[in-house]
């Protein structure tokens, strides 16, 4: 993957994570978990491409937490 594409993934993911945090602070549920979850997924992809274990650990462990939020919203 080219540097430009990876850089775009990182910036878009950063925006989504920060936007998700903003939505959380403004109490916009469930839009917050969708935005932040997509951003975390993008950072996991970037971490996988770069073989960066710190990124994979940080954002990879966030994904199951968002799955709880999705389950809570759609099932309960």
Protein backbone atom coordinates (compact mmCIF):
# COMPACT_ATOMS: atom_id res chain seq x y z
CA UNK A 1 0.00 0.00 0.00
CA UNK A 2 1.36 3.39 -0.85
CA UNK A 3 2.31 5.95 1.76
CA UNK A 4 -0.38 8.36 0.56
CA UNK A 5 -3.18 5.80 0.99
CA UNK A 6 -1.94 4.79 4.44
CA UNK A 7 -1.66 8.44 5.40
CA UNK A 8 -5.27 9.02 4.30
CA UNK A 9 -6.45 6.05 6.38
CA UNK A 10 -4.67 7.48 9.42
CA UNK A 11 -6.10 10.99 9.02
CA UNK A 12 -9.64 9.80 8.33
CA UNK A 13 -9.42 7.43 11.29
CA UNK A 14 -8.11 10.22 13.51
CA UNK A 15 -11.02 12.45 12.50
CA UNK A 16 -13.53 9.65 13.17
CA UNK A 17 -12.08 8.90 16.62
CA UNK A 18 -12.05 12.56 17.62
CA UNK A 19 -15.54 13.10 16.20
CA UNK A 20 -16.73 10.06 18.17
CA UNK A 21 -15.25 11.53 21.35
CA UNK A 22 -17.00 14.83 20.64
CA UNK A 23 -20.29 13.04 20.07
CA UNK A 24 -19.83 11.18 23.35
CA UNK A 25 -19.33 14.47 25.17
CA UNK A 26 -22.46 15.84 23.50
CA UNK A 27 -24.37 12.64 24.40
CA UNK A 28 -25.17 11.62 20.81
CA UNK A 29 -25.63 7.90 21.31
CA UNK A 30 -25.32 5.65 19.24
CA UNK A 31 -23.69 7.83 16.57
CA UNK A 32 -20.68 8.20 18.84
CA UNK A 33 -19.92 4.48 18.92
CA UNK A 34 -20.26 4.15 15.16
CA UNK A 35 -17.89 7.04 14.46
CA UNK A 36 -15.31 6.07 17.06
CA UNK A 37 -15.61 2.38 16.12
CA UNK A 38 -14.88 3.09 12.45
CA UNK A 39 -11.91 5.21 13.46
CA UNK A 40 -10.58 2.44 15.69
CA UNK A 41 -10.99 -0.05 12.85
CA UNK A 42 -9.05 2.27 10.52
CA UNK A 43 -6.24 2.57 13.05
CA UNK A 44 -6.18 -1.23 13.39
CA UNK A 45 -5.73 -1.49 9.63
CA UNK A 46 -2.92 1.07 9.75
CA UNK A 47 -1.30 -0.79 12.64
CA UNK A 48 -1.53 -4.08 10.76
CA UNK A 49 0.00 -2.59 7.60
CA UNK A 50 2.85 -1.04 9.60
CA UNK A 51 3.20 -4.08 11.87
CA UNK A 52 2.79 -1.70 14.82
CA UNK A 53 1.87 -3.75 17.87
CA UNK A 54 1.16 -0.68 20.01
CA UNK A 55 -1.52 0.55 17.59
CA UNK A 56 -3.00 -2.92 17.28
CA UNK A 57 -3.12 -3.30 21.05
CA UNK A 58 -4.67 0.10 21.69
CA UNK A 59 -7.28 0.16 18.97
CA UNK A 60 -7.73 -3.60 18.63
CA UNK A 61 -8.85 -3.84 22.24
CA UNK A 62 -11.33 -1.00 21.70
CA UNK A 63 -13.23 -2.95 19.04
CA UNK A 64 -14.72 -5.54 21.47
CA UNK A 65 -15.81 -2.66 23.69
CA UNK A 66 -17.66 -1.10 20.77
CA UNK A 67 -19.23 -4.49 20.03
CA UNK A 68 -20.78 -4.36 23.50
CA UNK A 69 -22.21 -0.96 22.61
CA UNK A 70 -23.60 -2.26 19.30
CA UNK A 71 -25.09 -5.27 21.08
CA UNK A 72 -26.62 -3.03 23.73
CA UNK A 73 -28.16 -0.74 21.11
CA UNK A 74 -29.47 -3.33 18.66
CA UNK A 75 -30.34 -6.31 20.88
CA UNK A 76 -31.24 -5.01 24.33
